Amino acid sequence: MSTLGTSDVEVSELSFGAAGIGNLFTAVDDEQAYEAVDAAWASGIRYFDTAPHYGIGLSERRLGAALRDRPRAEYTLSTKVGRLLEPTDAGGDDLAEGGFAVPATHRRVWDFSADGVRRGLDASLERLGVDHVDVVYLHDPDDHAEQAFHEGYPALEKLRSQGVVGAIGAGMNQAEMLTRFVRDTDVDVVLCAGRYTLLDHRALTDLLPAAEGRGTSVVVGGAFNSGLLADPRPGATYNYTAAPPELLDRALRLKALAERHGTTLRAAALAFPAAHPAVASVLVGARSALEVRDCAEQFATPVPWAFWQELRTEGLLAAAAPVPAPEPS
């Protein structure tokens, strides 16, 4: 377990991202969703992350139900603010708008105001069926920086000082604005998705050094870059769109190298971000018990030192990127 920043909030080294059980791209039923959470618990995962955006509330409802009989003090729960859910009678589904296979019963309204933060958190607590969450992130404030920094962040800081939440931060699919959060605010943690992987080292330039210097924790999501590093093949996705040919070729090279060294690309993709000293947890999205168990098994599997050495030799790994220490001989 690692502690987030200077807070008392602890997270497991491997954590469960609940977008998949919110029907990301394809539907799963309640039973499959609950089995995925059960498998995560059985695998030792004790940090669970969700958001109103995921399935326009479905992920929060399912995660809350799946955790309801677990001792609340034994797990860490995070959600996000910045999108309020308002009822709509537009009809249809949410796939085109949000990417989730759910009926479009609500629409998302961007709101990083202090009132929006408080209303959003209250609504999340109701959907989750809990009286508190441990971590709250400002979610994807890319186009709302002014309001997020001057209204949303102070609101989170106030909630933390009041003891309503234990840790606060921001979660984004970029590194640049997260670096600003680390440098200009007193966040405990940032959630960086898809920007510190075997294929994308952007967070290594500024974000991770800044976080390490400030004592801010980083949770890394998207270690598989939405699928390409889990199963590189024609048609695989990279950051939720079709993978460009040059990145597919690079992923296939990584896979071949991993197999030559007796390991898997999935194991290497999970081990890589976890090796950085600023990273507190690696967040994996899963929609089934099988996927969860596979991720836990791969995460627990040591990756040979020679694999990392060859990656550097082949120019497939940044020279400054930390890698797991060699296994004792």
Protein backbone atom coordinates (compact mmCIF):
# COMPACT_ATOMS: atom_id res chain seq x y z
CA MET A 1 0.00 0.00 0.00
CA SER A 2 1.11 3.56 -0.73
CA THR A 3 -0.02 6.83 0.85
CA LEU A 4 -1.24 9.63 -1.41
CA GLY A 5 0.92 12.72 -0.96
CA THR A 6 0.86 13.99 2.62
CA SER A 7 -2.66 12.63 3.23
CA ASP A 8 -3.59 9.56 5.26
CA VAL A 9 -5.27 7.92 2.25
CA GLU A 10 -3.73 4.61 1.23
CA VAL A 11 -4.03 2.88 -2.14
CA SER A 12 -3.05 -0.55 -3.38
CA GLU A 13 -0.28 -0.72 -5.98
CA LEU A 14 -2.79 -2.12 -8.47
CA SER A 15 -6.20 -0.48 -8.59
CA PHE A 16 -9.56 -1.02 -10.29
CA GLY A 17 -10.92 1.46 -12.83
CA ALA A 18 -14.68 1.17 -13.12
CA ALA A 19 -15.34 2.67 -16.56
CA GLY A 20 -15.71 -0.82 -18.04
CA ILE A 21 -18.51 -1.78 -15.65
CA GLY A 22 -20.22 1.43 -16.74
CA ASN A 23 -20.61 -0.15 -20.21
CA LEU A 24 -17.68 1.58 -21.91
CA PHE A 25 -18.22 0.88 -25.64
CA THR A 26 -20.09 -2.39 -24.97
CA ALA A 27 -22.63 -3.49 -22.40
CA VAL A 28 -22.00 -5.82 -19.50
CA ASP A 29 -24.73 -7.03 -17.18
CA ASP A 30 -24.92 -6.47 -13.43
CA GLU A 31 -23.70 -9.96 -12.59
CA GLN A 32 -20.59 -9.61 -14.76
CA ALA A 33 -19.87 -6.20 -13.23
CA TYR A 34 -20.19 -7.52 -9.67
CA GLU A 35 -18.01 -10.53 -10.49
CA ALA A 36 -15.29 -8.18 -11.77
CA VAL A 37 -15.29 -6.25 -8.49
CA ASP A 38 -15.31 -9.51 -6.50
CA ALA A 39 -12.29 -10.72 -8.49
CA ALA A 40 -10.49 -7.44 -7.82
CA TRP A 41 -11.09 -7.82 -4.10
CA ALA A 42 -9.94 -11.46 -4.14
CA SER A 43 -6.78 -10.35 -5.96
CA GLY A 44 -5.89 -7.91 -3.18
CA ILE A 45 -7.00 -4.72 -4.92
CA ARG A 46 -8.22 -2.17 -2.39
CA TYR A 47 -8.45 1.01 -4.43
CA PHE A 48 -11.48 1.53 -6.67
CA ASP A 49 -12.01 4.53 -8.96
CA THR A 50 -15.16 5.67 -10.75
CA ALA A 51 -16.84 8.83 -12.09
CA PRO A 52 -20.31 10.15 -12.98
CA HIS A 53 -19.19 10.28 -16.62
CA TYR A 54 -18.82 6.49 -16.77
CA GLY A 55 -22.14 5.23 -18.06
CA ILE A 56 -23.84 8.47 -16.92
CA GLY A 57 -23.95 7.16 -13.36
CA LEU A 58 -24.12 3.41 -14.01
CA SER A 59 -20.53 2.78 -12.97
CA GLU A 60 -21.02 4.51 -9.62
CA ARG A 61 -24.25 2.63 -8.92
CA ARG A 62 -22.75 -0.74 -9.79
CA LEU A 63 -19.48 -0.15 -7.94
CA GLY A 64 -21.33 1.00 -4.84
CA ALA A 65 -23.57 -2.05 -4.92
CA ALA A 66 -20.64 -4.41 -5.44
CA LEU A 67 -18.74 -2.96 -2.48
CA ARG A 68 -21.72 -2.55 -0.17
CA ASP A 69 -21.01 -5.59 1.98
CA ARG A 70 -17.27 -4.88 2.27
CA PRO A 71 -15.97 -3.17 5.42
CA ARG A 72 -15.79 0.52 4.43
CA ALA A 73 -12.52 1.06 6.28
CA GLU A 74 -10.80 -1.66 4.24
CA TYR A 75 -10.91 -0.03 0.82
CA THR A 76 -10.24 3.33 -0.80
CA LEU A 77 -12.84 4.86 -3.10
CA SER A 78 -12.45 7.77 -5.50
CA THR A 79 -14.81 9.58 -7.81
CA LYS A 80 -14.67 12.75 -9.86
CA VAL A 81 -16.39 16.11 -10.24
CA GLY A 82 -16.83 18.53 -13.11
CA ARG A 83 -19.70 16.92 -14.99
CA LEU A 84 -23.19 17.19 -13.55
CA LEU A 85 -25.84 14.76 -14.80
CA GLU A 86 -29.15 16.35 -15.77
CA PRO A 87 -32.24 14.34 -16.87
CA THR A 88 -33.13 14.50 -20.54
CA ASP A 89 -35.82 12.98 -22.71
CA ALA A 90 -33.69 13.01 -25.86
CA GLY A 91 -33.91 9.23 -26.16
CA GLY A 92 -31.42 6.95 -27.88
CA ASP A 93 -28.19 5.77 -26.31
CA ASP A 94 -24.99 7.39 -25.10
CA LEU A 95 -22.53 5.71 -27.45
CA ALA A 96 -22.13 8.59 -29.87
CA GLU A 97 -22.04 11.28 -27.17
CA GLY A 98 -20.10 9.66 -24.34
CA GLY A 99 -18.94 6.25 -25.56
CA PHE A 100 -21.07 4.22 -23.15
CA ALA A 101 -23.64 1.60 -24.12
CA VAL A 102 -26.41 2.95 -21.88
CA PRO A 103 -29.72 4.73 -22.55
CA ALA A 104 -29.27 8.49 -22.83
CA THR A 105 -31.42 9.27 -19.80
CA HIS A 106 -29.16 12.15 -18.71
CA ARG A 107 -26.88 14.70 -20.30
CA ARG A 108 -23.52 15.81 -18.95
CA VAL A 109 -23.15 19.48 -18.03
CA TRP A 110 -19.65 20.84 -17.43
CA ASP A 111 -19.44 22.63 -14.09
CA PHE A 112 -16.23 23.22 -12.11
CA SER A 113 -17.77 25.93 -9.91
CA ALA A 114 -17.74 25.53 -6.14
CA ASP A 115 -21.46 24.82 -6.19
CA GLY A 116 -21.02 22.36 -9.06
CA VAL A 117 -18.29 20.51 -7.17
CA ARG A 118 -20.44 20.17 -4.06
CA ARG A 119 -23.57 19.16 -6.00
CA GLY A 120 -21.59 16.69 -8.06
CA LEU A 121 -20.05 15.05 -5.01
CA ASP A 122 -23.41 14.82 -3.23
CA ALA A 123 -24.98 13.15 -6.27
CA SER A 124 -22.06 10.70 -6.50
CA LEU A 125 -22.40 9.75 -2.83
CA GLU A 126 -26.08 9.00 -3.40
CA ARG A 127 -25.38 6.83 -6.45
CA LEU A 128 -22.54 5.01 -4.65
CA GLY A 129 -24.62 4.54 -1.51
CA VAL A 130 -21.80 5.67 0.80
CA ASP A 131 -21.43 8.55 3.23
CA HIS A 132 -17.96 9.55 1.99
CA VAL A 133 -15.36 8.94 -0.65
CA ASP A 134 -11.65 9.04 0.11
CA VAL A 135 -10.43 10.87 -2.99
CA VAL A 136 -12.08 13.39 -5.31
CA TYR A 137 -10.58 14.41 -8.65
CA LEU A 138 -11.41 17.32 -10.94
CA HIS A 139 -12.26 15.36 -14.09
CA ASP A 140 -10.92 16.42 -17.49
CA PRO A 141 -10.82 20.20 -16.96
CA ASP A 142 -8.90 20.62 -20.26
CA ASP A 143 -11.21 23.31 -21.68
CA HIS A 144 -12.21 24.72 -18.29
CA ALA A 145 -8.87 25.60 -16.74
CA GLU A 146 -9.87 29.03 -15.43
CA GLN A 147 -12.88 27.75 -13.52
CA ALA A 148 -11.14 24.56 -12.39
CA PHE A 149 -8.15 26.38 -10.88
CA HIS A 150 -10.00 29.35 -9.41
CA GLU A 151 -13.27 27.76 -8.28
CA GLY A 152 -13.16 23.96 -8.44
CA TYR A 153 -9.79 23.45 -6.80
CA PRO A 154 -10.48 25.82 -3.85
CA ALA A 155 -13.78 23.99 -3.32
CA LEU A 156 -11.95 20.68 -3.08
CA GLU A 157 -9.37 22.20 -0.77
CA LYS A 158 -12.19 23.35 1.51
CA LEU A 159 -13.77 19.89 1.52
CA ARG A 160 -10.42 18.40 2.47
CA SER A 161 -9.85 20.90 5.28
CA GLN A 162 -13.33 20.11 6.61
CA GLY A 163 -12.53 16.39 6.63
CA VAL A 164 -15.23 15.60 4.06
CA VAL A 165 -12.64 13.93 1.81
CA GLY A 166 -9.17 12.65 2.60
CA ALA A 167 -7.31 13.55 -0.58
CA ILE A 168 -7.91 15.73 -3.63
CA GLY A 169 -6.51 15.95 -7.13
CA ALA A 170 -7.16 16.10 -10.85
CA GLY A 171 -7.54 13.35 -13.44
CA MET A 172 -6.81 13.90 -17.13
CA ASN A 173 -5.64 12.32 -20.37
CA GLN A 174 -2.74 14.76 -20.60
CA ALA A 175 0.38 15.61 -18.61
CA GLU A 176 0.77 19.35 -19.16
CA MET A 177 -2.13 20.70 -17.09
CA LEU A 178 -1.55 18.05 -14.44
CA THR A 179 1.97 19.44 -14.09
CA ARG A 180 0.43 22.84 -13.44
CA PHE A 181 -1.79 21.34 -10.75
CA VAL A 182 1.26 19.80 -9.09
CA ARG A 183 3.27 23.03 -9.23
CA ASP A 184 0.58 25.61 -8.51
CA THR A 185 -1.76 23.89 -6.04
CA ASP A 186 -1.61 21.62 -3.03
CA VAL A 187 -3.19 18.53 -4.58
CA ASP A 188 -2.34 15.19 -2.99
CA VAL A 189 -2.52 13.20 -6.20
CA VAL A 190 -2.99 13.44 -9.95
CA LEU A 191 -4.43 10.71 -12.14
CA CYS A 192 -2.60 10.63 -15.47
CA ALA A 193 -4.21 8.39 -18.08
CA GLY A 194 -2.34 7.10 -21.10
CA ARG A 195 0.64 9.44 -20.85
CA TYR A 196 3.12 7.24 -19.03
CA THR A 197 3.20 3.95 -20.89
CA LEU A 198 5.62 1.89 -22.95
CA LEU A 199 4.36 3.82 -25.98
CA ASP A 200 3.97 7.31 -24.51
CA HIS A 201 6.57 8.82 -22.16
CA ARG A 202 5.19 12.37 -22.07
CA ALA A 203 4.69 12.42 -18.30
CA LEU A 204 8.38 11.67 -17.80
CA THR A 205 9.48 15.10 -19.04
CA ASP A 206 7.82 17.41 -16.51
CA LEU A 207 4.94 15.83 -14.60
CA LEU A 208 6.69 12.97 -12.85
CA PRO A 209 9.80 14.98 -11.84
CA ALA A 210 7.54 17.78 -10.53
CA ALA A 211 5.43 15.29 -8.58
CA GLU A 212 8.47 13.60 -7.11
CA GLY A 213 9.92 16.97 -6.12
CA ARG A 214 6.70 18.15 -4.43
CA GLY A 215 5.85 14.83 -2.79
CA THR A 216 2.66 14.58 -4.86
CA SER A 217 1.48 11.10 -5.77
CA VAL A 218 0.65 9.99 -9.29
CA VAL A 219 -1.88 7.33 -10.21
CA VAL A 220 -1.24 6.07 -13.72
CA GLY A 221 -4.22 4.94 -15.76
CA GLY A 222 -4.38 3.64 -19.31
CA ALA A 223 -1.22 1.54 -19.06
CA PHE A 224 -2.42 -0.45 -22.09
CA ASN A 225 -3.22 2.75 -24.05
CA SER A 226 -6.85 1.53 -24.31
CA GLY A 227 -5.91 -1.85 -25.75
CA LEU A 228 -2.90 -1.69 -28.04
CA LEU A 229 -0.44 -2.80 -25.36
CA ALA A 230 -2.77 -5.55 -24.16
CA ASP A 231 -3.21 -7.18 -27.57
CA PRO A 232 -1.39 -5.51 -30.47
CA ARG A 233 -3.04 -6.54 -33.72
CA PRO A 234 -4.64 -4.88 -36.74
CA GLY A 235 -7.76 -3.09 -35.56
CA ALA A 236 -6.49 -2.59 -31.99
CA THR A 237 -7.24 0.75 -30.39
CA TYR A 238 -4.76 3.33 -29.13
CA ASN A 239 -6.21 6.00 -26.85
CA TYR A 240 -9.72 4.94 -27.89
CA THR A 241 -9.21 5.27 -31.66
CA ALA A 242 -7.72 2.96 -34.30
CA ALA A 243 -3.99 2.57 -33.69
CA PRO A 244 -1.77 4.26 -36.31
CA PRO A 245 0.37 1.77 -38.28
CA GLU A 246 3.66 3.05 -36.82
CA LEU A 247 2.43 2.55 -33.26
CA LEU A 248 1.06 -0.89 -34.07
CA ASP A 249 4.49 -1.83 -35.46
CA ARG A 250 6.18 -0.52 -32.32
CA ALA A 251 3.78 -2.46 -30.06
CA LEU A 252 4.38 -5.64 -32.06
CA ARG A 253 8.15 -5.16 -31.61
CA LEU A 254 7.62 -4.76 -27.87
CA LYS A 255 5.51 -7.91 -27.78
CA ALA A 256 8.11 -9.92 -29.68
CA LEU A 257 10.87 -8.74 -27.34
CA ALA A 258 8.79 -9.61 -24.27
CA GLU A 259 8.08 -13.11 -25.54
CA ARG A 260 11.74 -13.64 -26.41
CA HIS A 261 12.56 -12.90 -22.78
CA GLY A 262 9.91 -15.27 -21.47
CA THR A 263 7.42 -12.66 -20.35
CA THR A 264 4.35 -10.92 -21.78
CA LEU A 265 3.76 -7.43 -23.11
CA ARG A 266 0.89 -7.07 -20.61
CA ALA A 267 3.22 -7.74 -17.68
CA ALA A 268 5.76 -5.25 -19.00
CA ALA A 269 3.11 -2.60 -19.67
CA LEU A 270 1.92 -2.79 -16.05
CA ALA A 271 5.40 -3.01 -14.52
CA PHE A 272 6.78 -0.01 -16.40
CA PRO A 273 4.73 2.82 -14.83
CA ALA A 274 4.82 1.19 -11.39
CA ALA A 275 8.61 1.49 -11.35
CA HIS A 276 8.63 5.28 -11.15
CA PRO A 277 9.03 6.49 -7.53
CA ALA A 278 6.28 9.13 -7.93
CA VAL A 279 3.70 6.51 -8.97
CA ALA A 280 1.54 5.26 -6.11
CA SER A 281 -0.79 2.99 -8.07
CA VAL A 282 -1.45 1.62 -11.54
CA LEU A 283 -5.14 1.83 -12.41
CA VAL A 284 -6.49 -0.88 -14.72
CA GLY A 285 -9.89 -0.82 -16.34
CA ALA A 286 -11.62 -4.19 -16.47
CA ARG A 287 -15.10 -5.37 -17.37
CA SER A 288 -14.93 -9.02 -16.28
CA ALA A 289 -13.49 -11.24 -13.58
CA LEU A 290 -11.26 -12.88 -16.20
CA GLU A 291 -9.70 -9.54 -17.16
CA VAL A 292 -9.17 -8.59 -13.52
CA ARG A 293 -7.50 -11.88 -12.65
CA ASP A 294 -5.27 -11.64 -15.70
CA CYS A 295 -4.17 -8.10 -14.81
CA ALA A 296 -3.42 -9.11 -11.22
CA GLU A 297 -1.43 -12.13 -12.38
CA GLN A 298 0.54 -10.11 -14.92
CA PHE A 299 1.22 -7.35 -12.38
CA ALA A 300 2.62 -9.90 -9.92
CA THR A 301 4.90 -11.47 -12.53
CA PRO A 302 8.49 -10.16 -12.49
CA VAL A 303 9.75 -8.94 -15.87
CA PRO A 304 13.32 -10.05 -16.65
CA TRP A 305 15.99 -7.36 -16.29
CA ALA A 306 17.39 -8.31 -19.69
CA PHE A 307 14.11 -7.23 -21.31
CA TRP A 308 14.48 -3.68 -20.02
CA GLN A 309 18.13 -3.60 -21.07
CA GLU A 310 17.23 -4.64 -24.60
CA LEU A 311 14.47 -2.03 -24.77
CA ARG A 312 17.06 0.65 -24.07
CA THR A 313 19.48 -0.83 -26.59
CA GLU A 314 16.76 -0.86 -29.24
CA GLY A 315 15.76 2.73 -28.51
CA LEU A 316 12.29 1.68 -27.34
CA LEU A 317 12.64 3.11 -23.84
CA ALA A 318 13.62 6.60 -22.72
CA ALA A 319 17.01 6.67 -21.06
CA ALA A 320 15.64 8.52 -18.03
CA ALA A 321 12.73 6.13 -17.44
CA PRO A 322 13.10 4.06 -14.26
CA VAL A 323 12.55 0.32 -14.62
CA PRO A 324 11.91 -2.38 -12.02
CA ALA A 325 14.97 -3.46 -10.07
CA PRO A 326 16.52 -6.80 -11.02
CA GLU A 327 15.24 -9.84 -9.15
CA PRO A 328 17.71 -11.11 -6.53
CA SER A 329 19.79 -13.94 -7.96
